Structures are given as C-alpha cells and as structure tokens.
C-alpha cells in the first residue's frame, strides 16, 4: 500500500469518530444541567401502605441508597431514627426521621415496621421506646 492511498478500514473508522464522540456525550446531555444531584436539602417521598412521609438524607451514602431504590422501583426497608416534630419537611406528621440516619436497607427488625399513621397515633411509644421507624414495604416514589 502506498502512502497516498488509505486503507479502507482506516477510512471507515475515521468516519465513525464523530458518531462515537456524539454518543459519548449523549448520556450527560440527557441529564441536563438542570437535573441536579440530590443533596442534603432534597426531600424524598416514601410510600407505605397508601400513606406517604418525607425524609431528608444528610450523607452521600444514604442518598445513594435511596436513589437506587427510586430508580429500581423496588419496595424494601427505609429506616432512620425517629425525632419529634416535622423537621421542616415531613409536614403531614408530627415526627420525622433524623436525616443523618436515613438509609434504604435490605432488612430490619419487625419492632420498627409499621405505617406512618401508626407512628403518629402512638408517638410517645415510637419515639421513646422503639426509637426508629423502618417500614418494610416502603417505596421511594419521587424527589421533591
């Protein structure tokens, strides 16, 4: 082969380079700059037995666990330490989960399983005795 003539495969590959560059950019462009990563101020909405409650998650590992659940749409356990008051984000209820303790986990003890309305109805028992809320059939439905 002379220097003046290109190998057909080389020409083919050169033609693919712009397409490869475009495809490599598409995933990040699809997310867009306005699709911010969840941070400590993000409010996650959790559904349990037709009831909803809201959580904030203080650390990256906790946010990643909820993000995986949101993406997979799988029900499972969302857990955290109970605190009195709505925390400024769980407005429907007079309790919230401590953002530093919220996680999506694979399993939890039955003692902390329940519905949000059960916590509300017996707040003293749940906060003073149980200390945590870990509904087993929780679904992370959306981010607000």
Protein backbone atom coordinates (compact mmCIF):
# COMPACT_ATOMS: atom_id res chain seq x y z
CA UNK A 1 0.00 0.00 0.00
CA UNK A 2 1.34 3.41 -0.88
CA UNK A 3 1.32 6.41 1.38
CA UNK A 4 -1.15 8.18 -0.90
CA UNK A 5 -3.84 5.55 -0.53
CA UNK A 6 -5.68 4.93 2.74
CA UNK A 7 -6.67 1.53 3.97
CA UNK A 8 -10.48 1.10 3.68
CA UNK A 9 -10.79 0.18 7.37
CA UNK A 10 -8.95 3.33 8.43
CA UNK A 11 -11.37 5.47 6.39
CA UNK A 12 -14.32 3.63 7.92
CA UNK A 13 -13.02 4.19 11.46
CA UNK A 14 -12.33 7.87 10.79
CA UNK A 15 -15.92 8.23 9.66
CA UNK A 16 -17.11 6.69 12.94
CA UNK A 17 -15.16 9.06 15.19
CA UNK A 18 -17.71 11.92 15.07
CA UNK A 19 -20.51 9.45 15.79
CA UNK A 20 -18.61 7.93 18.73
CA UNK A 21 -17.95 11.40 20.13
CA UNK A 22 -21.64 12.28 19.85
CA UNK A 23 -22.78 9.07 21.54
CA UNK A 24 -20.33 9.54 24.41
CA UNK A 25 -21.81 12.99 25.13
CA UNK A 26 -25.48 11.96 24.95
CA UNK A 27 -25.80 10.42 28.44
CA UNK A 28 -24.58 13.57 30.14
CA UNK A 29 -26.60 15.81 27.85
CA UNK A 30 -29.74 13.78 28.55
CA UNK A 31 -29.36 14.53 32.25
CA UNK A 32 -29.03 18.22 31.52
CA UNK A 33 -27.51 20.81 33.77
CA UNK A 34 -30.86 21.43 35.47
CA UNK A 35 -31.06 17.86 36.79
CA UNK A 36 -29.12 18.43 39.98
CA UNK A 37 -27.81 15.57 42.06
CA UNK A 38 -29.80 15.00 45.26
CA UNK A 39 -28.22 16.83 48.19
CA UNK A 40 -28.95 17.28 51.91
CA UNK A 41 -31.85 19.65 51.10
CA UNK A 42 -33.55 17.17 48.76
CA UNK A 43 -36.84 15.81 50.04
CA UNK A 44 -37.56 12.15 49.27
CA UNK A 45 -41.16 10.94 49.31
CA UNK A 46 -41.72 7.44 50.69
CA UNK A 47 -44.98 5.48 50.32
CA UNK A 48 -46.06 2.77 52.75
CA UNK A 49 -49.46 1.06 52.58
CA UNK A 50 -51.03 4.00 50.75
CA UNK A 51 -49.56 6.60 53.16
CA UNK A 52 -46.68 8.96 52.46
CA UNK A 53 -43.97 10.51 54.56
CA UNK A 54 -40.99 12.64 53.64
CA UNK A 55 -37.32 12.40 54.54
CA UNK A 56 -34.12 14.31 54.05
CA UNK A 57 -30.83 12.47 53.87
CA UNK A 58 -27.70 14.12 55.25
CA UNK A 59 -24.96 11.96 53.76
CA UNK A 60 -24.00 10.77 50.31
CA UNK A 61 -24.20 7.04 51.13
CA UNK A 62 -27.76 7.42 52.39
CA UNK A 63 -28.78 9.43 49.32
CA UNK A 64 -27.22 6.80 47.06
CA UNK A 65 -29.21 4.03 48.77
CA UNK A 66 -32.49 5.93 48.26
CA UNK A 67 -31.56 6.84 44.68
CA UNK A 68 -31.04 3.14 43.87
CA UNK A 69 -34.48 2.36 45.30
CA UNK A 70 -36.09 5.19 43.38
CA UNK A 71 -34.51 4.01 40.14
CA UNK A 72 -35.34 0.33 40.68
CA UNK A 73 -38.91 0.99 41.89
CA UNK A 74 -38.43 -1.90 44.32
CA UNK A 75 -40.15 -1.93 47.68
CA UNK A 76 -37.98 -2.51 50.69
CA UNK A 77 -36.96 -1.07 54.04
CA UNK A 78 -36.30 2.63 54.57
CA UNK A 79 -35.04 3.24 58.09
CA UNK A 80 -33.99 6.04 60.37
CA UNK A 81 -34.07 7.30 63.95
CA UNK A 82 -37.35 8.93 64.95
CA UNK A 83 -37.48 12.52 66.14
CA UNK A 84 -40.41 14.64 67.32
CA UNK A 85 -41.63 17.48 65.10
CA UNK A 86 -41.89 17.53 61.33
CA UNK A 87 -38.24 18.53 60.89
CA UNK A 88 -39.32 21.23 58.45
CA UNK A 89 -40.05 18.69 55.70
CA UNK A 90 -42.42 15.95 56.94
CA UNK A 91 -45.35 18.38 57.21
CA UNK A 92 -48.15 15.82 57.28
CA UNK A 93 -46.85 14.28 60.50
CA UNK A 94 -45.62 15.43 63.92
CA UNK A 95 -42.45 13.34 63.59
CA UNK A 96 -39.55 12.91 61.19
CA UNK A 97 -36.54 10.69 60.63
CA UNK A 98 -33.17 12.12 61.61
CA UNK A 99 -31.52 12.93 58.23
CA UNK A 100 -28.14 11.65 59.48
CA UNK A 101 -29.62 8.15 59.95
CA UNK A 102 -31.87 7.62 56.89
CA UNK A 103 -31.00 4.63 54.69
CA UNK A 104 -32.61 2.15 52.33
CA UNK A 105 -31.56 -1.25 53.67
CA UNK A 106 -32.26 -4.89 52.88
CA UNK A 107 -33.75 -5.93 56.23
CA UNK A 108 -34.74 -4.62 59.65
CA UNK A 109 -36.32 -5.94 62.84
CA UNK A 110 -40.10 -6.17 63.00
CA UNK A 111 -40.33 -3.87 66.01
CA UNK A 112 -39.85 -0.72 63.89
CA UNK A 113 -42.04 -1.85 60.97
CA UNK A 114 -45.34 -0.05 60.53
CA UNK A 115 -47.24 2.70 58.77
CA UNK A 116 -46.71 6.44 59.22
CA UNK A 117 -50.15 6.75 60.84
CA UNK A 118 -49.16 4.16 63.46
CA UNK A 119 -46.19 6.32 64.46
CA UNK A 120 -48.45 9.37 64.64
CA UNK A 121 -51.11 7.59 66.72
CA UNK A 122 -48.58 6.38 69.33
CA UNK A 123 -45.80 8.95 69.02
CA UNK A 124 -44.56 8.58 72.61
CA UNK A 125 -44.19 4.81 72.25
CA UNK A 126 -42.47 5.07 68.87
CA UNK A 127 -40.04 7.84 69.81
CA UNK A 128 -39.33 6.85 73.43
CA UNK A 129 -39.40 3.04 73.21
CA UNK A 130 -38.86 1.96 69.61
CA UNK A 131 -36.71 4.93 68.62
CA UNK A 132 -36.71 4.15 64.91
CA UNK A 133 -39.08 3.68 62.00
CA UNK A 134 -38.32 1.03 59.36
CA UNK A 135 -41.35 0.19 57.23
CA UNK A 136 -40.66 -3.00 55.31
CA UNK A 137 -42.80 -2.29 52.24
CA UNK A 138 -41.52 1.23 51.63
CA UNK A 139 -41.39 2.58 48.10
CA UNK A 140 -39.31 5.65 47.28
CA UNK A 141 -41.77 7.33 44.91
CA UNK A 142 -40.20 10.67 44.00
CA UNK A 143 -37.96 13.58 44.89
CA UNK A 144 -39.42 17.00 45.65
